[in-house]
Amino acid sequence: MYSLLSDLAPAQKLLIPHLMPNFFSNIICISTLCLLIGGCSTSDSPVSVTAMTFNIRWDNPNDGVDGWDLRKDWVSDVIIESGAEIIGLQEALLHQIAHLDSSSAGFDWIGVGRDDGKTQGELSPILFDTTKWTVLEWDTRWLSSTPDSVGVAGWDAALPRIATIATLQHVKTQFELRVINTHFDHRGETARLESAKLIRDWALEGNKPVLVLGDFNFKQHEPPYAALTDTVADRFLRDAGTGDTTSTFKGFDALKPVSGARIDYVLSAGHQGPDQNGQYATYSVIESIRSDRFVSDHLPVLSTLRY
């Protein structure tokens, strides 16, 4: 469910057809309304958002019993059964997204390939429930010192890395949420730290409520985590799983899991205060197992937040 539009900028070429006819007119109408009323407001009632981050593992032909063709329907089942309405995927190739899209009624997605800004290479797409959310605007930026340069590997990164950034609007309340989905480099320490600084700046620009999803490839005690969540700053991102030590990277073998760590996160800003139990969000790591195998080498992370 996508089309390639040659007259758009590279990072905006992969768009969903039904979003296009009213896309620019919607933005113009919203901008005009904001000018007339002196700023956009949202419902006073909290909006509950259930979100998932999920590294689905790229379709590696050498994965044997854990190959994509043997897992694709299972991955789809996990997504649907989770109840998530906004989902950030990592390591997703175009044909993998196409399968999940076709098997997940009511969902659409946005994103581009990291290699060419179109279809080549891994995507970091944002999937969303169209009965609850519409897309106002979106783009893709590369995690480098030149974010608009397509296909660039930043700093000491082994590979090009991207962030998909969108403004979603809640259908019922017109509440607007800035959503970012990303996948940090697995080798470059400098790249991870500098990428964290970029993501924090991008997340907090525009002063909107924010949801950040991703496979960050860093642990909670490492500098990039602090760069994103440091409470000394005027504004910061809150980790939905603060205090949870459950590993999100375990490999495929459920009987002999990798001694991994929590490297996949759901982060947010601009949400409601704690509930009566002092909690800002619900949080869980989904350990879906069949025949002693995990659904992916990373475990999906699910969180419900109130904005």
C-alpha atoms as a PDB file:
ATOM      1  CA  MET A   1       0.000   0.000   0.000  1.00  0.00           C
ATOM      2  CA  TYR A   2       2.478   2.593  -1.180  1.00  0.00           C
ATOM      3  CA  SER A   3       3.386   4.591  -4.233  1.00  0.00           C
ATOM      4  CA  LEU A   4       6.606   6.197  -5.373  1.00  0.00           C
ATOM      5  CA  LEU A   5       6.151   9.834  -6.302  1.00  0.00           C
ATOM      6  CA  SER A   6       9.103  11.119  -8.317  1.00  0.00           C
ATOM      7  CA  ASP A   7       8.361  14.798  -7.739  1.00  0.00           C
ATOM      8  CA  LEU A   8       8.733  14.604  -3.970  1.00  0.00           C
ATOM      9  CA  ALA A   9      11.922  14.904  -1.945  1.00  0.00           C
ATOM     10  CA  PRO A  10      13.708  11.552  -1.442  1.00  0.00           C
ATOM     11  CA  ALA A  11      12.751  11.184   2.190  1.00  0.00           C
ATOM     12  CA  GLN A  12       9.063  11.701   1.387  1.00  0.00           C
ATOM     13  CA  LYS A  13       8.620   9.467  -1.629  1.00  0.00           C
ATOM     14  CA  LEU A  14       7.101   6.442   0.056  1.00  0.00           C
ATOM     15  CA  LEU A  15       3.569   7.525   0.857  1.00  0.00           C
ATOM     16  CA  ILE A  16       0.248   5.842   1.390  1.00  0.00           C
ATOM     17  CA  PRO A  17      -2.193   6.656  -1.439  1.00  0.00           C
ATOM     18  CA  HIS A  18      -5.216   7.501   0.683  1.00  0.00           C
ATOM     19  CA  LEU A  19      -3.201  10.088   2.598  1.00  0.00           C
ATOM     20  CA  MET A  20      -2.310  12.089  -0.473  1.00  0.00           C
ATOM     21  CA  PRO A  21      -5.503  13.762  -1.838  1.00  0.00           C
ATOM     22  CA  ASN A  22      -6.200  15.827   1.264  1.00  0.00           C
ATOM     23  CA  PHE A  23      -2.699  15.933   2.738  1.00  0.00           C
ATOM     24  CA  PHE A  24      -1.731  19.487   1.857  1.00  0.00           C
ATOM     25  CA  SER A  25      -5.259  20.859   2.177  1.00  0.00           C
ATOM     26  CA  ASN A  26      -5.498  19.370   5.668  1.00  0.00           C
ATOM     27  CA  ILE A  27      -2.261  21.069   6.703  1.00  0.00           C
ATOM     28  CA  ILE A  28      -3.445  24.403   5.272  1.00  0.00           C
ATOM     29  CA  CYS A  29      -6.791  24.131   7.064  1.00  0.00           C
ATOM     30  CA  ILE A  30      -5.164  23.201  10.351  1.00  0.00           C
ATOM     31  CA  SER A  31      -2.618  26.025  10.060  1.00  0.00           C
ATOM     32  CA  THR A  32      -5.359  28.542   9.259  1.00  0.00           C
ATOM     33  CA  LEU A  33      -7.467  27.368  12.183  1.00  0.00           C
ATOM     34  CA  CYS A  34      -4.496  27.657  14.537  1.00  0.00           C
ATOM     35  CA  LEU A  35      -3.924  31.245  13.430  1.00  0.00           C
ATOM     36  CA  LEU A  36      -7.574  32.123  13.977  1.00  0.00           C
ATOM     37  CA  ILE A  37      -7.803  30.675  17.464  1.00  0.00           C
ATOM     38  CA  GLY A  38      -4.283  31.587  18.554  1.00  0.00           C
ATOM     39  CA  GLY A  39      -2.862  28.074  18.725  1.00  0.00           C
ATOM     40  CA  CYS A  40      -3.959  24.478  18.429  1.00  0.00           C
ATOM     41  CA  SER A  41      -5.550  22.964  21.485  1.00  0.00           C
ATOM     42  CA  THR A  42      -6.378  19.373  22.239  1.00  0.00           C
ATOM     43  CA  SER A  43      -8.984  17.667  24.341  1.00  0.00           C
ATOM     44  CA  ASP A  44      -8.727  18.179  28.086  1.00  0.00           C
ATOM     45  CA  SER A  45      -9.488  14.486  28.528  1.00  0.00           C
ATOM     46  CA  PRO A  46      -6.412  12.240  28.592  1.00  0.00           C
ATOM     47  CA  VAL A  47      -5.708  10.306  25.420  1.00  0.00           C
ATOM     48  CA  SER A  48      -4.523   6.782  26.115  1.00  0.00           C
ATOM     49  CA  VAL A  49      -1.950   5.558  23.587  1.00  0.00           C
ATOM     50  CA  THR A  50      -0.822   1.937  23.345  1.00  0.00           C
ATOM     51  CA  ALA A  51       2.474   1.709  21.494  1.00  0.00           C
ATOM     52  CA  MET A  52       4.950  -0.999  20.552  1.00  0.00           C
ATOM     53  CA  THR A  53       8.555  -1.070  19.439  1.00  0.00           C
ATOM     54  CA  PHE A  54       9.560  -4.274  17.660  1.00  0.00           C
ATOM     55  CA  ASN A  55      12.761  -5.259  15.869  1.00  0.00           C
ATOM     56  CA  ILE A  56      11.368  -7.991  13.614  1.00  0.00           C
ATOM     57  CA  ARG A  57      14.796  -9.163  12.301  1.00  0.00           C
ATOM     58  CA  TRP A  58      15.537  -8.618   8.626  1.00  0.00           C
ATOM     59  CA  ASP A  59      14.803 -11.384   6.148  1.00  0.00           C
ATOM     60  CA  ASN A  60      18.175 -13.110   6.356  1.00  0.00           C
ATOM     61  CA  PRO A  61      18.320 -16.170   4.052  1.00  0.00           C
ATOM     62  CA  ASN A  62      20.745 -17.837   6.481  1.00  0.00           C
ATOM     63  CA  ASP A  63      18.346 -17.836   9.445  1.00  0.00           C
ATOM     64  CA  GLY A  64      17.170 -21.423   8.857  1.00  0.00           C
ATOM     65  CA  VAL A  65      14.336 -22.386  11.219  1.00  0.00           C
ATOM     66  CA  ASP A  66      14.055 -18.728  12.232  1.00  0.00           C
ATOM     67  CA  GLY A  67      13.679 -17.478   8.660  1.00  0.00           C
ATOM     68  CA  TRP A  68      11.138 -14.799   7.845  1.00  0.00           C
ATOM     69  CA  ASP A  69       8.816 -17.051   5.842  1.00  0.00           C
ATOM     70  CA  LEU A  70       8.429 -19.271   8.906  1.00  0.00           C
ATOM     71  CA  ARG A  71       7.843 -16.317  11.243  1.00  0.00           C
ATOM     72  CA  LYS A  72       5.918 -13.743   9.237  1.00  0.00           C
ATOM     73  CA  ASP A  73       2.410 -14.821  10.237  1.00  0.00           C
ATOM     74  CA  TRP A  74       3.538 -15.182  13.842  1.00  0.00           C
ATOM     75  CA  VAL A  75       4.963 -11.660  13.849  1.00  0.00           C
ATOM     76  CA  SER A  76       1.661 -10.422  12.462  1.00  0.00           C
ATOM     77  CA  ASP A  77      -0.238 -12.282  15.190  1.00  0.00           C
ATOM     78  CA  VAL A  78       1.898 -10.700  17.921  1.00  0.00           C
ATOM     79  CA  ILE A  79       1.264  -7.217  16.551  1.00  0.00           C
ATOM     80  CA  ILE A  80      -2.489  -7.696  16.211  1.00  0.00           C
ATOM     81  CA  GLU A  81      -2.950  -9.423  19.567  1.00  0.00           C
ATOM     82  CA  SER A  82      -0.955  -6.741  21.398  1.00  0.00           C
ATOM     83  CA  GLY A  83      -3.637  -4.124  20.831  1.00  0.00           C
ATOM     84  CA  ALA A  84      -0.982  -1.565  19.886  1.00  0.00           C
ATOM     85  CA  GLU A  85      -2.264   1.370  17.836  1.00  0.00           C
ATOM     86  CA  ILE A  86       1.144   2.895  17.013  1.00  0.00           C
ATOM     87  CA  ILE A  87       4.040   0.573  16.198  1.00  0.00           C
ATOM     88  CA  GLY A  88       7.672   1.250  15.392  1.00  0.00           C
ATOM     89  CA  LEU A  89       9.413  -1.564  13.521  1.00  0.00           C
ATOM     90  CA  GLN A  90      13.147  -1.954  13.014  1.00  0.00           C
ATOM     91  CA  GLU A  91      15.131  -4.016  10.471  1.00  0.00           C
ATOM     92  CA  ALA A  92      12.049  -4.175   8.260  1.00  0.00           C
ATOM     93  CA  LEU A  93      12.563  -4.681   4.538  1.00  0.00           C
ATOM     94  CA  LEU A  94       9.883  -3.520   2.136  1.00  0.00           C
ATOM     95  CA  HIS A  95       8.450  -6.967   1.407  1.00  0.00           C
ATOM     96  CA  GLN A  96       8.274  -7.716   5.133  1.00  0.00           C
ATOM     97  CA  ILE A  97       6.242  -4.574   5.745  1.00  0.00           C
ATOM     98  CA  ALA A  98       4.026  -5.422   2.779  1.00  0.00           C
ATOM     99  CA  HIS A  99       3.164  -8.762   4.363  1.00  0.00           C
ATOM    100  CA  LEU A 100       2.385  -7.239   7.749  1.00  0.00           C
ATOM    101  CA  ASP A 101       0.351  -4.501   6.083  1.00  0.00           C
ATOM    102  CA  SER A 102      -1.742  -6.995   4.124  1.00  0.00           C
ATOM    103  CA  SER A 103      -2.412  -9.130   7.199  1.00  0.00           C
ATOM    104  CA  SER A 104      -3.206  -6.269   9.597  1.00  0.00           C
ATOM    105  CA  ALA A 105      -6.564  -4.834   8.585  1.00  0.00           C
ATOM    106  CA  GLY A 106      -7.056  -1.209   9.539  1.00  0.00           C
ATOM    107  CA  PHE A 107      -3.352  -0.354   9.665  1.00  0.00           C
ATOM    108  CA  ASP A 108      -1.260   1.785   7.348  1.00  0.00           C
ATOM    109  CA  TRP A 109       2.377   2.821   7.524  1.00  0.00           C
ATOM    110  CA  ILE A 110       4.948   5.427   6.584  1.00  0.00           C
ATOM    111  CA  GLY A 111       8.683   5.100   5.964  1.00  0.00           C
ATOM    112  CA  VAL A 112      11.509   4.850   3.428  1.00  0.00           C
ATOM    113  CA  GLY A 113      14.568   2.670   2.915  1.00  0.00           C
ATOM    114  CA  ARG A 114      17.727   3.915   4.578  1.00  0.00           C
ATOM    115  CA  ASP A 115      19.983   3.249   1.579  1.00  0.00           C
ATOM    116  CA  ASP A 116      18.275   5.391  -1.080  1.00  0.00           C
ATOM    117  CA  GLY A 117      15.429   7.224   0.670  1.00  0.00           C
ATOM    118  CA  LYS A 118      12.972   5.133  -1.338  1.00  0.00           C
ATOM    119  CA  THR A 119      12.746   1.336  -1.206  1.00  0.00           C
ATOM    120  CA  GLN A 120      16.287   0.044  -0.721  1.00  0.00           C
ATOM    121  CA  GLY A 121      17.685  -1.105   2.603  1.00  0.00           C
ATOM    122  CA  GLU A 122      16.061  -1.472   5.974  1.00  0.00           C
ATOM    123  CA  LEU A 123      13.172   0.782   6.905  1.00  0.00           C
ATOM    124  CA  SER A 124      12.170   2.085  10.328  1.00  0.00           C
ATOM    125  CA  PRO A 125       8.464   2.419   9.566  1.00  0.00           C
ATOM    126  CA  ILE A 126       5.684   3.718  11.766  1.00  0.00           C
ATOM    127  CA  LEU A 127       2.513   1.627  11.593  1.00  0.00           C
ATOM    128  CA  PHE A 128      -0.713   3.144  12.883  1.00  0.00           C
ATOM    129  CA  ASP A 129      -4.353   2.187  13.395  1.00  0.00           C
ATOM    130  CA  THR A 130      -6.306   4.267  10.872  1.00  0.00           C
ATOM    131  CA  THR A 131      -9.473   4.121  12.975  1.00  0.00           C
ATOM    132  CA  LYS A 132      -7.638   6.101  15.668  1.00  0.00           C
ATOM    133  CA  TRP A 133      -4.919   8.113  13.923  1.00  0.00           C
ATOM    134  CA  THR A 134      -4.268  10.114  10.777  1.00  0.00           C
ATOM    135  CA  VAL A 135      -0.950  11.494   9.511  1.00  0.00           C
ATOM    136  CA  LEU A 136      -0.567  15.271   9.268  1.00  0.00           C
ATOM    137  CA  GLU A 137       3.065  15.297   8.143  1.00  0.00           C
ATOM    138  CA  TRP A 138       6.155  13.112   8.172  1.00  0.00           C
ATOM    139  CA  ASP A 139       9.718  12.817   6.975  1.00  0.00           C
ATOM    140  CA  THR A 140      12.855  10.713   7.344  1.00  0.00           C
ATOM    141  CA  ARG A 141      16.199  11.981   8.621  1.00  0.00           C
ATOM    142  CA  TRP A 142      19.575  10.263   8.603  1.00  0.00           C
ATOM    143  CA  LEU A 143      21.463   9.929  11.878  1.00  0.00           C
ATOM    144  CA  SER A 144      24.518  11.909  10.871  1.00  0.00           C
ATOM    145  CA  SER A 145      25.882  15.438  10.959  1.00  0.00           C
ATOM    146  CA  THR A 146      23.982  15.994   7.674  1.00  0.00           C
ATOM    147  CA  PRO A 147      20.513  14.536   8.400  1.00  0.00           C
ATOM    148  CA  ASP A 148      19.096  15.410   4.970  1.00  0.00           C
ATOM    149  CA  SER A 149      21.868  13.550   3.133  1.00  0.00           C
ATOM    150  CA  VAL A 150      20.411  10.252   1.949  1.00  0.00           C
ATOM    151  CA  GLY A 151      22.289   7.033   2.680  1.00  0.00           C
ATOM    152  CA  VAL A 152      24.979   8.562   4.900  1.00  0.00           C
ATOM    153  CA  ALA A 153      26.506   6.592   7.778  1.00  0.00           C
ATOM    154  CA  GLY A 154      27.213   9.104  10.525  1.00  0.00           C
ATOM    155  CA  TRP A 155      30.365   9.362  12.642  1.00  0.00           C
ATOM    156  CA  ASP A 156      31.745   5.854  13.339  1.00  0.00           C
ATOM    157  CA  ALA A 157      28.546   3.994  12.397  1.00  0.00           C
ATOM    158  CA  ALA A 158      28.905   0.775  10.436  1.00  0.00           C
ATOM    159  CA  LEU A 159      25.742   1.440   8.433  1.00  0.00           C
ATOM    160  CA  PRO A 160      23.382   4.274   7.503  1.00  0.00           C
ATOM    161  CA  ARG A 161      20.817   4.825  10.248  1.00  0.00           C
ATOM    162  CA  ILE A 162      17.538   6.724  10.092  1.00  0.00           C
ATOM    163  CA  ALA A 163      14.671   8.144  12.091  1.00  0.00           C
ATOM    164  CA  THR A 164      11.111   8.290  10.785  1.00  0.00           C
ATOM    165  CA  ILE A 165       9.394  11.352  12.245  1.00  0.00           C
ATOM    166  CA  ALA A 166       5.657  12.032  12.041  1.00  0.00           C
ATOM    167  CA  THR A 167       2.898  14.152  13.481  1.00  0.00           C
ATOM    168  CA  LEU A 168      -0.156  11.975  14.054  1.00  0.00           C
ATOM    169  CA  GLN A 169      -3.600  13.316  14.905  1.00  0.00           C
ATOM    170  CA  HIS A 170      -6.048  11.419  17.087  1.00  0.00           C
ATOM    171  CA  VAL A 171      -9.260  10.949  15.107  1.00  0.00           C
ATOM    172  CA  LYS A 172     -11.640  11.394  18.029  1.00  0.00           C
ATOM    173  CA  THR A 173     -10.034  14.298  19.912  1.00  0.00           C
ATOM    174  CA  GLN A 174      -7.767  15.947  17.300  1.00  0.00           C
ATOM    175  CA  PHE A 175      -4.918  15.585  19.801  1.00  0.00           C
ATOM    176  CA  GLU A 176      -1.549  15.798  17.994  1.00  0.00           C
ATOM    177  CA  LEU A 177       1.357  13.513  18.845  1.00  0.00           C
ATOM    178  CA  ARG A 178       4.898  13.681  17.525  1.00  0.00           C
ATOM    179  CA  VAL A 179       6.142  10.132  16.884  1.00  0.00           C
ATOM    180  CA  ILE A 180       9.712   9.071  16.147  1.00  0.00           C
ATOM    181  CA  ASN A 181      10.903   5.580  15.293  1.00  0.00           C
ATOM    182  CA  THR A 182      14.599   4.813  14.970  1.00  0.00           C
ATOM    183  CA  HIS A 183      17.352   2.185  15.004  1.00  0.00           C
ATOM    184  CA  PHE A 184      20.783   3.181  16.321  1.00  0.00           C
ATOM    185  CA  ASP A 185      24.042   1.711  15.083  1.00  0.00           C
ATOM    186  CA  HIS A 186      25.270  -1.486  16.727  1.00  0.00           C
ATOM    187  CA  ARG A 187      29.004  -0.673  16.533  1.00  0.00           C
ATOM    188  CA  GLY A 188      29.697   3.043  16.666  1.00  0.00           C
ATOM    189  CA  GLU A 189      29.822   4.405  20.218  1.00  0.00           C
ATOM    190  CA  THR A 190      30.194   7.969  19.020  1.00  0.00           C
ATOM    191  CA  ALA A 191      27.368   7.432  16.540  1.00  0.00           C
ATOM    192  CA  ARG A 192      25.031   6.247  19.299  1.00  0.00           C
ATOM    193  CA  LEU A 193      25.807   9.224  21.530  1.00  0.00           C
ATOM    194  CA  GLU A 194      25.482  11.781  18.746  1.00  0.00           C
ATOM    195  CA  SER A 195      22.326  10.061  17.476  1.00  0.00           C
ATOM    196  CA  ALA A 196      20.818  10.300  20.964  1.00  0.00           C
ATOM    197  CA  LYS A 197      21.448  14.043  20.981  1.00  0.00           C
ATOM    198  CA  LEU A 198      19.784  14.370  17.577  1.00  0.00           C
ATOM    199  CA  ILE A 199      16.756  12.324  18.590  1.00  0.00           C
ATOM    200  CA  ARG A 200      16.288  14.345  21.767  1.00  0.00           C
ATOM    201  CA  ASP A 201      16.437  17.615  19.837  1.00  0.00           C
ATOM    202  CA  TRP A 202      14.072  16.359  17.146  1.00  0.00           C
ATOM    203  CA  ALA A 203      11.676  14.895  19.690  1.00  0.00           C
ATOM    204  CA  LEU A 204      11.362  18.105  21.660  1.00  0.00           C
ATOM    205  CA  GLU A 205      11.238  20.572  18.773  1.00  0.00           C
ATOM    206  CA  GLY A 206       7.794  22.068  18.276  1.00  0.00           C
ATOM    207  CA  ASN A 207       6.789  21.608  21.917  1.00  0.00           C
ATOM    208  CA  LYS A 208       4.332  18.782  21.157  1.00  0.00           C
ATOM    209  CA  PRO A 209       3.682  15.652  23.212  1.00  0.00           C
ATOM    210  CA  VAL A 210       6.158  13.030  22.031  1.00  0.00           C
ATOM    211  CA  LEU A 211       6.440   9.269  21.622  1.00  0.00           C
ATOM    212  CA  VAL A 212       9.841   7.802  20.710  1.00  0.00           C
ATOM    213  CA  LEU A 213      10.229   4.138  19.758  1.00  0.00           C
ATOM    214  CA  GLY A 214      13.309   2.219  18.780  1.00  0.00           C
ATOM    215  CA  ASP A 215      16.092  -0.303  18.987  1.00  0.00           C
ATOM    216  CA  PHE A 216      18.769   1.934  20.483  1.00  0.00           C
ATOM    217  CA  ASN A 217      21.572  -0.603  20.950  1.00  0.00           C
ATOM    218  CA  PHE A 218      22.590   0.938  24.275  1.00  0.00           C
ATOM    219  CA  LYS A 219      22.066  -0.009  27.905  1.00  0.00           C
ATOM    220  CA  GLN A 220      20.539   2.073  30.682  1.00  0.00           C
ATOM    221  CA  HIS A 221      23.881   2.940  32.292  1.00  0.00           C
ATOM    222  CA  GLU A 222      25.511   4.191  29.089  1.00  0.00           C
ATOM    223  CA  PRO A 223      25.959   7.843  28.013  1.00  0.00           C
ATOM    224  CA  PRO A 224      23.421   7.831  25.127  1.00  0.00           C
ATOM    225  CA  TYR A 225      20.657   6.806  27.556  1.00  0.00           C
ATOM    226  CA  ALA A 226      21.542   9.734  29.811  1.00  0.00           C
ATOM    227  CA  ALA A 227      21.584  12.070  26.812  1.00  0.00           C
ATOM    228  CA  LEU A 228      17.953  11.172  26.134  1.00  0.00           C
ATOM    229  CA  THR A 229      16.592  10.949  29.671  1.00  0.00           C
ATOM    230  CA  ASP A 230      18.673  13.353  31.796  1.00  0.00           C
ATOM    231  CA  THR A 231      16.187  15.035  34.149  1.00  0.00           C
ATOM    232  CA  VAL A 232      18.541  17.963  34.754  1.00  0.00           C
ATOM    233  CA  ALA A 233      17.573  19.316  31.333  1.00  0.00           C
ATOM    234  CA  ASP A 234      14.592  21.655  30.958  1.00  0.00           C
ATOM    235  CA  ARG A 235      12.753  19.003  28.958  1.00  0.00           C
ATOM    236  CA  PHE A 236      13.617  15.346  28.783  1.00  0.00           C
ATOM    237  CA  LEU A 237      12.287  12.018  27.576  1.00  0.00           C
ATOM    238  CA  ARG A 238      10.857   9.627  30.139  1.00  0.00           C
ATOM    239  CA  ASP A 239      11.579   5.902  29.824  1.00  0.00           C
ATOM    240  CA  ALA A 240       8.331   3.921  30.077  1.00  0.00           C
ATOM    241  CA  GLY A 241      10.283   0.968  31.457  1.00  0.00           C
ATOM    242  CA  THR A 242      12.380   2.786  34.062  1.00  0.00           C
ATOM    243  CA  GLY A 243      13.611   0.263  36.612  1.00  0.00           C
ATOM    244  CA  ASP A 244      12.760  -2.770  34.476  1.00  0.00           C
ATOM    245  CA  THR A 245      15.801  -4.923  33.753  1.00  0.00           C
ATOM    246  CA  THR A 246      14.179  -7.473  31.430  1.00  0.00           C
ATOM    247  CA  SER A 247      16.415  -8.093  28.438  1.00  0.00           C
ATOM    248  CA  THR A 248      14.863  -7.214  25.098  1.00  0.00           C
ATOM    249  CA  PHE A 249      17.607  -8.908  23.068  1.00  0.00           C
ATOM    250  CA  LYS A 250      17.748 -12.670  23.611  1.00  0.00           C
ATOM    251  CA  GLY A 251      18.391 -14.262  20.241  1.00  0.00           C
ATOM    252  CA  PHE A 252      15.973 -16.846  18.866  1.00  0.00           C
ATOM    253  CA  ASP A 253      16.660 -19.817  21.170  1.00  0.00           C
ATOM    254  CA  ALA A 254      14.249 -19.634  24.108  1.00  0.00           C
ATOM    255  CA  LEU A 255      15.977 -22.569  25.839  1.00  0.00           C
ATOM    256  CA  LYS A 256      19.398 -20.911  25.668  1.00  0.00           C
ATOM    257  CA  PRO A 257      18.718 -17.190  25.355  1.00  0.00           C
ATOM    258  CA  VAL A 258      21.550 -14.779  24.708  1.00  0.00           C
ATOM    259  CA  SER A 259      22.706 -12.931  27.806  1.00  0.00           C
ATOM    260  CA  GLY A 260      21.485  -9.655  26.383  1.00  0.00           C
ATOM    261  CA  ALA A 261      20.230  -6.406  27.827  1.00  0.00           C
ATOM    262  CA  ARG A 262      17.384  -3.930  27.620  1.00  0.00           C
ATOM    263  CA  ILE A 263      18.205  -2.017  24.449  1.00  0.00           C
ATOM    264  CA  ASP A 264      14.719  -1.455  22.973  1.00  0.00           C
ATOM    265  CA  TYR A 265      12.827   1.467  24.492  1.00  0.00           C
ATOM    266  CA  VAL A 266       9.558   3.382  24.586  1.00  0.00           C
ATOM    267  CA  LEU A 267      10.225   7.009  25.546  1.00  0.00           C
ATOM    268  CA  SER A 268       7.858   9.946  25.898  1.00  0.00           C
ATOM    269  CA  ALA A 269       7.436  13.576  26.886  1.00  0.00           C
ATOM    270  CA  GLY A 270       4.475  15.871  27.436  1.00  0.00           C
ATOM    271  CA  HIS A 271       2.269  13.163  28.927  1.00  0.00           C
ATOM    272  CA  GLN A 272      -0.063  13.246  31.913  1.00  0.00           C
ATOM    273  CA  GLY A 273       1.283  12.982  35.446  1.00  0.00           C
ATOM    274  CA  PRO A 274       1.383   9.697  37.360  1.00  0.00           C
ATOM    275  CA  ASP A 275      -1.811   7.778  38.047  1.00  0.00           C
ATOM    276  CA  GLN A 276      -3.089   6.836  41.502  1.00  0.00           C
ATOM    277  CA  ASN A 277      -0.388   4.169  41.699  1.00  0.00           C
ATOM    278  CA  GLY A 278       2.385   6.606  40.836  1.00  0.00           C
ATOM    279  CA  GLN A 279       2.826   5.113  37.371  1.00  0.00           C
ATOM    280  CA  TYR A 280       3.338   7.149  34.214  1.00  0.00           C
ATOM    281  CA  ALA A 281       2.846   4.189  31.894  1.00  0.00           C
ATOM    282  CA  THR A 282       2.198   0.482  31.746  1.00  0.00           C
ATOM    283  CA  TYR A 283       5.128  -1.483  30.376  1.00  0.00           C
ATOM    284  CA  SER A 284       5.743  -5.066  29.313  1.00  0.00           C
ATOM    285  CA  VAL A 285       8.226  -7.117  27.322  1.00  0.00           C
ATOM    286  CA  ILE A 286       6.390  -9.721  25.248  1.00  0.00           C
ATOM    287  CA  GLU A 287       8.037 -13.152  25.336  1.00  0.00           C
ATOM    288  CA  SER A 288       6.183 -14.930  22.547  1.00  0.00           C
ATOM    289  CA  ILE A 289       7.535 -18.489  22.212  1.00  0.00           C
ATOM    290  CA  ARG A 290       6.657 -21.346  19.852  1.00  0.00           C
ATOM    291  CA  SER A 291       8.565 -24.622  19.650  1.00  0.00           C
ATOM    292  CA  ASP A 292      11.209 -23.208  21.991  1.00  0.00           C
ATOM    293  CA  ARG A 293      11.926 -20.271  19.658  1.00  0.00           C
ATOM    294  CA  PHE A 294      11.295 -16.562  20.184  1.00  0.00           C
ATOM    295  CA  VAL A 295       9.284 -14.639  17.595  1.00  0.00           C
ATOM    296  CA  SER A 296      12.383 -12.541  16.804  1.00  0.00           C
ATOM    297  CA  ASP A 297      15.883 -12.109  18.172  1.00  0.00           C
ATOM    298  CA  HIS A 298      14.546  -8.967  19.869  1.00  0.00           C
ATOM    299  CA  LEU A 299      11.443  -9.062  22.030  1.00  0.00           C
ATOM    300  CA  PRO A 300       8.648  -6.581  21.334  1.00  0.00           C
ATOM    301  CA  VAL A 301       8.073  -3.920  23.989  1.00  0.00           C
ATOM    302  CA  LEU A 302       4.541  -2.696  24.713  1.00  0.00           C
ATOM    303  CA  SER A 303       3.515   0.379  26.668  1.00  0.00           C
ATOM    304  CA  THR A 304       0.331   2.350  27.300  1.00  0.00           C
ATOM    305  CA  LEU A 305       0.773   6.037  28.077  1.00  0.00           C
ATOM    306  CA  ARG A 306      -1.673   8.823  28.941  1.00  0.00           C
ATOM    307  CA  TYR A 307      -1.303  12.159  27.171  1.00  0.00           C
END
